[in-house]
C-alpha atoms as a PDB file:
ATOM      1  CA  UNK A   1     -64.159 -29.172  41.139  1.00  0.00           C
ATOM      2  CA  UNK A   2     -66.577 -28.968  44.109  1.00  0.00           C
ATOM      3  CA  UNK A   3     -66.921 -26.128  46.605  1.00  0.00           C
ATOM      4  CA  UNK A   4     -69.043 -25.933  49.725  1.00  0.00           C
ATOM      5  CA  UNK A   5     -70.509 -23.679  52.283  1.00  0.00           C
ATOM      6  CA  UNK A   6     -72.305 -24.381  55.539  1.00  0.00           C
ATOM      7  CA  UNK A   7     -75.272 -22.570  57.052  1.00  0.00           C
ATOM      8  CA  UNK A   8     -76.202 -23.034  60.753  1.00  0.00           C
ATOM      9  CA  UNK A   9     -79.490 -21.634  62.060  1.00  0.00           C
ATOM     10  CA  UNK A  10     -80.775 -21.349  65.554  1.00  0.00           C
ATOM     11  CA  UNK A  11     -84.227 -20.315  66.662  1.00  0.00           C
ATOM     12  CA  UNK A  12     -87.380 -19.382  64.758  1.00  0.00           C
ATOM     13  CA  UNK A  13     -87.367 -17.488  61.411  1.00  0.00           C
ATOM     14  CA  UNK A  14     -88.064 -14.062  62.662  1.00  0.00           C
ATOM     15  CA  UNK A  15     -86.261 -14.194  66.067  1.00  0.00           C
ATOM     16  CA  UNK A  16     -83.508 -16.548  65.296  1.00  0.00           C
ATOM     17  CA  UNK A  17     -80.151 -16.158  63.548  1.00  0.00           C
ATOM     18  CA  UNK A  18     -77.720 -18.065  61.507  1.00  0.00           C
ATOM     19  CA  UNK A  19     -74.020 -18.170  60.594  1.00  0.00           C
ATOM     20  CA  UNK A  20     -72.490 -18.838  57.199  1.00  0.00           C
ATOM     21  CA  UNK A  21     -69.113 -20.347  56.577  1.00  0.00           C
ATOM     22  CA  UNK A  22     -67.450 -20.982  53.220  1.00  0.00           C
ATOM     23  CA  UNK A  23     -64.848 -23.746  52.443  1.00  0.00           C
ATOM     24  CA  UNK A  24     -62.283 -21.069  51.939  1.00  0.00           C
ATOM     25  CA  UNK A  25     -63.329 -19.445  55.235  1.00  0.00           C
ATOM     26  CA  UNK A  26     -63.555 -16.059  53.434  1.00  0.00           C
ATOM     27  CA  UNK A  27     -66.864 -16.193  55.268  1.00  0.00           C
ATOM     28  CA  UNK A  28     -66.415 -17.600  58.652  1.00  0.00           C
ATOM     29  CA  UNK A  29     -69.372 -17.624  61.042  1.00  0.00           C
ATOM     30  CA  UNK A  30     -70.741 -14.623  59.033  1.00  0.00           C
ATOM     31  CA  UNK A  31     -74.185 -13.746  60.571  1.00  0.00           C
ATOM     32  CA  UNK A  32     -77.420 -13.526  58.806  1.00  0.00           C
ATOM     33  CA  UNK A  33     -80.885 -13.095  60.050  1.00  0.00           C
ATOM     34  CA  UNK A  34     -84.444 -12.300  59.028  1.00  0.00           C
ATOM     35  CA  UNK A  35     -83.642  -8.641  59.645  1.00  0.00           C
ATOM     36  CA  UNK A  36     -80.567  -8.673  57.490  1.00  0.00           C
ATOM     37  CA  UNK A  37     -82.458 -10.434  54.747  1.00  0.00           C
ATOM     38  CA  UNK A  38     -85.904  -8.657  54.688  1.00  0.00           C
ATOM     39  CA  UNK A  39     -85.354  -5.504  56.723  1.00  0.00           C
ATOM     40  CA  UNK A  40     -82.245  -3.580  57.815  1.00  0.00           C
ATOM     41  CA  UNK A  41     -80.059  -5.654  60.009  1.00  0.00           C
ATOM     42  CA  UNK A  42     -76.453  -6.425  60.417  1.00  0.00           C
ATOM     43  CA  UNK A  43     -75.130  -9.326  58.489  1.00  0.00           C
ATOM     44  CA  UNK A  44     -75.481 -10.872  54.876  1.00  0.00           C
ATOM     45  CA  UNK A  45     -78.263 -12.622  53.230  1.00  0.00           C
ATOM     46  CA  UNK A  46     -78.570 -15.147  50.499  1.00  0.00           C
ATOM     47  CA  UNK A  47     -79.619 -12.770  47.740  1.00  0.00           C
ATOM     48  CA  UNK A  48     -76.611 -10.572  48.494  1.00  0.00           C
ATOM     49  CA  UNK A  49     -74.393 -13.663  48.225  1.00  0.00           C
ATOM     50  CA  UNK A  50     -75.949 -14.603  44.935  1.00  0.00           C
ATOM     51  CA  UNK A  51     -75.272 -11.081  43.622  1.00  0.00           C
ATOM     52  CA  UNK A  52     -71.596 -11.421  44.725  1.00  0.00           C
ATOM     53  CA  UNK A  53     -71.431 -14.766  43.005  1.00  0.00           C
ATOM     54  CA  UNK A  54     -73.029 -13.626  39.776  1.00  0.00           C
ATOM     55  CA  UNK A  55     -70.948 -10.375  39.494  1.00  0.00           C
ATOM     56  CA  UNK A  56     -67.717 -12.310  40.254  1.00  0.00           C
ATOM     57  CA  UNK A  57     -68.503 -15.098  37.908  1.00  0.00           C
ATOM     58  CA  UNK A  58     -69.668 -12.922  34.977  1.00  0.00           C
ATOM     59  CA  UNK A  59     -66.622 -10.578  35.373  1.00  0.00           C
ATOM     60  CA  UNK A  60     -64.112 -13.519  35.168  1.00  0.00           C
ATOM     61  CA  UNK A  61     -65.979 -14.997  32.183  1.00  0.00           C
ATOM     62  CA  UNK A  62     -65.926 -11.597  30.407  1.00  0.00           C
ATOM     63  CA  UNK A  63     -62.221 -11.332  31.206  1.00  0.00           C
ATOM     64  CA  UNK A  64     -61.579 -14.607  29.555  1.00  0.00           C
ATOM     65  CA  UNK A  65     -63.350 -13.629  26.415  1.00  0.00           C
ATOM     66  CA  UNK A  66     -61.683 -10.261  26.225  1.00  0.00           C
ATOM     67  CA  UNK A  67     -58.294 -11.888  26.702  1.00  0.00           C
ATOM     68  CA  UNK A  68     -58.967 -14.584  24.139  1.00  0.00           C
ATOM     69  CA  UNK A  69     -59.897 -11.708  21.735  1.00  0.00           C
ATOM     70  CA  UNK A  70     -56.423 -10.309  22.089  1.00  0.00           C
ATOM     71  CA  UNK A  71     -57.396  -7.165  24.087  1.00  0.00           C
ATOM     72  CA  UNK A  72     -55.740  -5.737  27.132  1.00  0.00           C
ATOM     73  CA  UNK A  73     -57.927  -5.143  30.141  1.00  0.00           C
ATOM     74  CA  UNK A  74     -57.250  -2.309  32.438  1.00  0.00           C
ATOM     75  CA  UNK A  75     -60.252  -2.827  34.604  1.00  0.00           C
ATOM     76  CA  UNK A  76     -63.744  -4.364  34.736  1.00  0.00           C
ATOM     77  CA  UNK A  77     -66.215  -3.466  37.487  1.00  0.00           C
ATOM     78  CA  UNK A  78     -69.514  -5.279  37.709  1.00  0.00           C
ATOM     79  CA  UNK A  79     -72.414  -4.630  40.131  1.00  0.00           C
ATOM     80  CA  UNK A  80     -75.273  -7.095  40.282  1.00  0.00           C
ATOM     81  CA  UNK A  81     -78.688  -6.353  41.456  1.00  0.00           C
ATOM     82  CA  UNK A  82     -80.841  -9.308  42.458  1.00  0.00           C
ATOM     83  CA  UNK A  83     -84.664  -8.901  42.786  1.00  0.00           C
ATOM     84  CA  UNK A  84     -86.562 -11.180  45.135  1.00  0.00           C
ATOM     85  CA  UNK A  85     -90.352 -11.170  44.799  1.00  0.00           C
ATOM     86  CA  UNK A  86     -92.667 -13.315  46.761  1.00  0.00           C
ATOM     87  CA  UNK A  87     -89.912 -15.787  47.613  1.00  0.00           C
ATOM     88  CA  UNK A  88     -88.510 -16.027  44.097  1.00  0.00           C
ATOM     89  CA  UNK A  89     -85.446 -14.435  42.592  1.00  0.00           C
ATOM     90  CA  UNK A  90     -86.872 -13.017  39.372  1.00  0.00           C
ATOM     91  CA  UNK A  91     -84.093 -10.845  37.944  1.00  0.00           C
ATOM     92  CA  UNK A  92     -80.410 -10.464  38.117  1.00  0.00           C
ATOM     93  CA  UNK A  93     -79.133  -7.259  36.436  1.00  0.00           C
ATOM     94  CA  UNK A  94     -75.362  -6.812  35.722  1.00  0.00           C
ATOM     95  CA  UNK A  95     -73.994  -3.256  35.523  1.00  0.00           C
ATOM     96  CA  UNK A  96     -70.583  -3.221  33.945  1.00  0.00           C
ATOM     97  CA  UNK A  97     -68.029  -0.592  33.489  1.00  0.00           C
ATOM     98  CA  UNK A  98     -64.844  -1.657  31.805  1.00  0.00           C
ATOM     99  CA  UNK A  99     -61.580  -0.151  30.507  1.00  0.00           C
ATOM    100  CA  UNK A 100     -60.197  -2.248  27.721  1.00  0.00           C
ATOM    101  CA  UNK A 101     -57.431  -1.073  25.271  1.00  0.00           C
ATOM    102  CA  UNK A 102     -58.232  -0.939  21.536  1.00  0.00           C
ATOM    103  CA  UNK A 103     -61.575  -2.651  21.688  1.00  0.00           C
ATOM    104  CA  UNK A 104     -64.668  -1.298  19.900  1.00  0.00           C
ATOM    105  CA  UNK A 105     -67.859  -0.876  21.654  1.00  0.00           C
ATOM    106  CA  UNK A 106     -69.462  -3.282  19.124  1.00  0.00           C
ATOM    107  CA  UNK A 107     -67.032  -6.166  20.004  1.00  0.00           C
ATOM    108  CA  UNK A 108     -67.224  -5.377  23.739  1.00  0.00           C
ATOM    109  CA  UNK A 109     -71.058  -5.644  23.721  1.00  0.00           C
ATOM    110  CA  UNK A 110     -70.790  -8.975  21.870  1.00  0.00           C
ATOM    111  CA  UNK A 111     -68.431 -10.303  24.493  1.00  0.00           C
ATOM    112  CA  UNK A 112     -70.698  -9.015  27.289  1.00  0.00           C
ATOM    113  CA  UNK A 113     -73.511 -10.873  25.875  1.00  0.00           C
ATOM    114  CA  UNK A 114     -71.551 -14.017  25.439  1.00  0.00           C
ATOM    115  CA  UNK A 115     -70.300 -13.798  29.019  1.00  0.00           C
ATOM    116  CA  UNK A 116     -73.854 -13.001  30.295  1.00  0.00           C
ATOM    117  CA  UNK A 117     -75.133 -16.251  28.632  1.00  0.00           C
ATOM    118  CA  UNK A 118     -72.224 -18.541  29.522  1.00  0.00           C
ATOM    119  CA  UNK A 119     -70.886 -17.775  33.014  1.00  0.00           C
ATOM    120  CA  UNK A 120     -71.780 -20.832  35.197  1.00  0.00           C
ATOM    121  CA  UNK A 121     -73.895 -18.731  37.652  1.00  0.00           C
ATOM    122  CA  UNK A 122     -75.983 -17.233  34.779  1.00  0.00           C
ATOM    123  CA  UNK A 123     -76.483 -20.885  33.788  1.00  0.00           C
ATOM    124  CA  UNK A 124     -77.613 -21.743  37.313  1.00  0.00           C
ATOM    125  CA  UNK A 125     -80.113 -18.988  37.787  1.00  0.00           C
ATOM    126  CA  UNK A 126     -83.746 -19.469  36.777  1.00  0.00           C
ATOM    127  CA  UNK A 127     -84.301 -15.726  36.434  1.00  0.00           C
ATOM    128  CA  UNK A 128     -84.288 -13.071  33.819  1.00  0.00           C
ATOM    129  CA  UNK A 129     -80.766 -11.897  33.384  1.00  0.00           C
ATOM    130  CA  UNK A 130     -79.942  -8.466  31.878  1.00  0.00           C
ATOM    131  CA  UNK A 131     -76.833  -6.343  31.371  1.00  0.00           C
ATOM    132  CA  UNK A 132     -76.037  -2.751  30.965  1.00  0.00           C
ATOM    133  CA  UNK A 133     -72.426  -2.337  29.850  1.00  0.00           C
ATOM    134  CA  UNK A 134     -70.364   0.832  29.463  1.00  0.00           C
ATOM    135  CA  UNK A 135     -66.943   0.853  27.881  1.00  0.00           C
ATOM    136  CA  UNK A 136     -64.690   3.789  29.118  1.00  0.00           C
END
């Protein structure tokens, strides 16, 4: 499986602007700029997209492990915070809130750790990855 996205940038770094389009067209000519990345501006930025990718990937991986364990998922919500320092993404922190029928917290935490280590985006990132998980 291969997926793609395209970035088009016009102008200088600070005054220019770009547009992002994904293969699925979920993002289609979505704007991004220096301001949306480093200040407060309209549009997305690469770090926000990495956070979306990591939270989505992790949540799907966790869902697979919970289902394989024979448990019924009511919901899983994952927020991802990406930290960019001096041009390097240094951390990705996942905050998970889940409702899963008949699972113990111990088993849930084991599956969270397994998903954190094995989701494809976690494997891609060269950053410290951490998770805080709460079972409702």
